[in-house]
Amino acid sequence: MSRSEEPKEKKGKRICPYCEEEILDAGFPYCKPCGVTLRYCAKCDIAVVREAVVCPQCSGELEWR
């Protein structure tokens, strides 16, 4: 996989899908820099846009935190 094809999410890091800033406290249900409420994939544990129905990475179920 080339560098440009690597997913933005790296193990241990969560990136806000709206402002692309790192979410420092994974327990928060929102992104501190932009204030948007987020949903998380229960399977791969990434933050996704709140309008998503399933995870765009693995098609897993989403949950609010």
N, C-alpha and C. Protein backbone atom coordinates (compact mmCIF):
# COMPACT_ATOMS: atom_id res chain seq x y z
N MET A 1 0.85 -1.18 0.00
CA MET A 1 0.00 0.00 0.00
C MET A 1 0.90 1.24 0.00
N SER A 2 0.64 2.13 -0.90
CA SER A 2 1.46 3.34 -0.96
C SER A 2 1.03 4.30 0.14
N ARG A 3 1.84 5.28 0.39
CA ARG A 3 1.56 6.24 1.45
C ARG A 3 0.25 6.98 1.21
N SER A 4 -0.06 7.31 -0.04
CA SER A 4 -1.29 8.03 -0.34
C SER A 4 -2.53 7.16 -0.15
N GLU A 5 -2.37 5.83 -0.17
CA GLU A 5 -3.50 4.93 0.01
C GLU A 5 -3.72 4.55 1.47
N GLU A 6 -2.82 4.92 2.36
CA GLU A 6 -2.96 4.58 3.76
C GLU A 6 -4.16 5.31 4.35
N PRO A 7 -4.92 4.63 5.20
CA PRO A 7 -6.06 5.30 5.82
C PRO A 7 -5.58 6.42 6.73
N LYS A 8 -6.42 7.45 6.91
CA LYS A 8 -6.05 8.58 7.77
C LYS A 8 -5.96 8.15 9.22
N GLU A 9 -6.79 7.17 9.60
CA GLU A 9 -6.77 6.70 10.98
C GLU A 9 -5.56 5.80 11.18
N LYS A 10 -4.80 6.07 12.19
CA LYS A 10 -3.70 5.20 12.56
C LYS A 10 -4.03 4.62 13.91
N LYS A 11 -3.50 3.46 14.20
CA LYS A 11 -3.82 2.79 15.45
C LYS A 11 -3.53 3.72 16.63
N GLY A 12 -4.52 3.87 17.49
CA GLY A 12 -4.37 4.71 18.66
C GLY A 12 -4.75 6.16 18.43
N LYS A 13 -4.96 6.58 17.18
CA LYS A 13 -5.36 7.95 16.89
C LYS A 13 -6.76 7.96 16.31
N ARG A 14 -7.50 8.97 16.69
CA ARG A 14 -8.82 9.19 16.10
C ARG A 14 -8.82 10.57 15.50
N ILE A 15 -9.30 10.67 14.29
CA ILE A 15 -9.32 11.93 13.57
C ILE A 15 -10.78 12.33 13.34
N CYS A 16 -11.09 13.58 13.60
CA CYS A 16 -12.43 14.11 13.37
C CYS A 16 -12.70 14.11 11.86
N PRO A 17 -13.84 13.55 11.42
CA PRO A 17 -14.15 13.55 9.99
C PRO A 17 -14.56 14.91 9.46
N TYR A 18 -14.79 15.88 10.34
CA TYR A 18 -15.19 17.22 9.91
C TYR A 18 -14.01 18.17 9.80
N CYS A 19 -13.17 18.24 10.84
CA CYS A 19 -12.07 19.20 10.83
C CYS A 19 -10.70 18.54 10.68
N GLU A 20 -10.67 17.20 10.70
CA GLU A 20 -9.46 16.40 10.55
C GLU A 20 -8.41 16.64 11.64
N GLU A 21 -8.86 17.16 12.80
CA GLU A 21 -7.99 17.29 13.95
C GLU A 21 -8.04 16.01 14.76
N GLU A 22 -6.99 15.72 15.49
CA GLU A 22 -6.97 14.53 16.32
C GLU A 22 -7.91 14.71 17.50
N ILE A 23 -8.70 13.68 17.79
CA ILE A 23 -9.60 13.69 18.93
C ILE A 23 -8.78 13.19 20.11
N LEU A 24 -8.45 14.08 21.02
CA LEU A 24 -7.54 13.74 22.10
C LEU A 24 -8.16 12.87 23.17
N ASP A 25 -9.40 13.11 23.52
CA ASP A 25 -10.07 12.31 24.54
C ASP A 25 -11.16 11.49 23.86
N ALA A 26 -10.90 10.20 23.66
CA ALA A 26 -11.81 9.34 22.92
C ALA A 26 -13.15 9.16 23.62
N GLY A 27 -13.23 9.47 24.90
CA GLY A 27 -14.48 9.32 25.63
C GLY A 27 -15.48 10.42 25.36
N PHE A 28 -15.04 11.53 24.78
CA PHE A 28 -15.95 12.64 24.50
C PHE A 28 -16.83 12.30 23.31
N PRO A 29 -18.11 12.64 23.35
CA PRO A 29 -19.00 12.38 22.22
C PRO A 29 -18.91 13.46 21.15
N TYR A 30 -17.98 14.38 21.29
CA TYR A 30 -17.84 15.44 20.30
C TYR A 30 -16.37 15.79 20.12
N CYS A 31 -16.10 16.50 19.02
CA CYS A 31 -14.75 16.96 18.72
C CYS A 31 -14.56 18.31 19.41
N LYS A 32 -13.56 18.43 20.26
CA LYS A 32 -13.33 19.70 20.97
C LYS A 32 -13.01 20.86 20.02
N PRO A 33 -12.12 20.70 19.01
CA PRO A 33 -11.81 21.84 18.15
C PRO A 33 -12.99 22.39 17.36
N CYS A 34 -13.85 21.51 16.82
CA CYS A 34 -14.96 22.03 16.01
C CYS A 34 -16.33 21.91 16.68
N GLY A 35 -16.42 21.18 17.81
CA GLY A 35 -17.66 21.09 18.57
C GLY A 35 -18.74 20.21 17.98
N VAL A 36 -18.43 19.41 16.97
CA VAL A 36 -19.42 18.56 16.32
C VAL A 36 -19.58 17.25 17.09
N THR A 37 -20.83 16.81 17.28
CA THR A 37 -21.10 15.53 17.90
C THR A 37 -20.74 14.42 16.93
N LEU A 38 -20.05 13.40 17.43
CA LEU A 38 -19.55 12.33 16.57
C LEU A 38 -20.19 11.00 16.90
N ARG A 39 -20.11 10.09 15.95
CA ARG A 39 -20.48 8.69 16.15
C ARG A 39 -19.20 7.88 15.94
N TYR A 40 -19.16 6.71 16.53
CA TYR A 40 -17.99 5.85 16.43
C TYR A 40 -18.40 4.47 15.94
N CYS A 41 -17.50 3.84 15.19
CA CYS A 41 -17.73 2.48 14.75
C CYS A 41 -17.40 1.55 15.91
N ALA A 42 -18.33 0.65 16.23
CA ALA A 42 -18.13 -0.29 17.33
C ALA A 42 -17.06 -1.33 16.98
N LYS A 43 -16.85 -1.57 15.71
CA LYS A 43 -15.91 -2.61 15.28
C LYS A 43 -14.47 -2.07 15.13
N CYS A 44 -14.30 -1.02 14.31
CA CYS A 44 -12.93 -0.53 14.06
C CYS A 44 -12.60 0.73 14.87
N ASP A 45 -13.57 1.25 15.63
CA ASP A 45 -13.35 2.33 16.60
C ASP A 45 -12.86 3.64 15.99
N ILE A 46 -13.37 3.97 14.78
CA ILE A 46 -13.03 5.26 14.20
C ILE A 46 -14.22 6.22 14.37
N ALA A 47 -13.95 7.51 14.35
CA ALA A 47 -15.00 8.51 14.40
C ALA A 47 -15.53 8.70 12.99
N VAL A 48 -16.85 8.79 12.86
CA VAL A 48 -17.48 8.98 11.55
C VAL A 48 -18.47 10.14 11.63
N VAL A 49 -18.87 10.65 10.48
CA VAL A 49 -19.84 11.74 10.46
C VAL A 49 -21.15 11.28 11.05
N ARG A 50 -21.85 12.17 11.71
CA ARG A 50 -23.06 11.78 12.43
C ARG A 50 -24.20 11.35 11.51
N GLU A 51 -24.14 11.72 10.23
CA GLU A 51 -25.18 11.34 9.28
C GLU A 51 -24.98 9.92 8.74
N ALA A 52 -23.83 9.31 8.99
CA ALA A 52 -23.54 7.97 8.46
C ALA A 52 -24.48 6.93 9.07
N VAL A 53 -24.83 5.94 8.26
CA VAL A 53 -25.69 4.86 8.70
C VAL A 53 -24.84 3.67 9.15
N VAL A 54 -23.75 3.41 8.41
CA VAL A 54 -22.80 2.35 8.74
C VAL A 54 -21.40 2.92 8.61
N CYS A 55 -20.42 2.23 9.16
CA CYS A 55 -19.03 2.66 9.08
C CYS A 55 -18.56 2.63 7.62
N PRO A 56 -17.97 3.71 7.13
CA PRO A 56 -17.48 3.73 5.75
C PRO A 56 -16.26 2.85 5.54
N GLN A 57 -15.61 2.44 6.60
CA GLN A 57 -14.39 1.63 6.48
C GLN A 57 -14.70 0.13 6.52
N CYS A 58 -15.62 -0.29 7.41
CA CYS A 58 -15.85 -1.73 7.58
C CYS A 58 -17.32 -2.12 7.49
N SER A 59 -18.22 -1.17 7.30
CA SER A 59 -19.67 -1.39 7.25
C SER A 59 -20.24 -1.87 8.60
N GLY A 60 -19.49 -1.61 9.68
CA GLY A 60 -19.94 -2.00 11.02
C GLY A 60 -20.98 -1.05 11.58
N GLU A 61 -21.59 -1.45 12.70
CA GLU A 61 -22.60 -0.64 13.37
C GLU A 61 -21.95 0.57 14.03
N LEU A 62 -22.70 1.66 14.10
CA LEU A 62 -22.21 2.89 14.71
C LEU A 62 -22.88 3.10 16.06
N GLU A 63 -22.17 3.80 16.94
CA GLU A 63 -22.72 4.09 18.27
C GLU A 63 -22.36 5.51 18.67
N TRP A 64 -23.20 6.09 19.52
CA TRP A 64 -22.94 7.40 20.11
C TRP A 64 -22.12 7.16 21.37
N ARG A 65 -21.27 8.10 21.72
CA ARG A 65 -20.51 7.96 22.98
C ARG A 65 -20.69 9.20 23.80
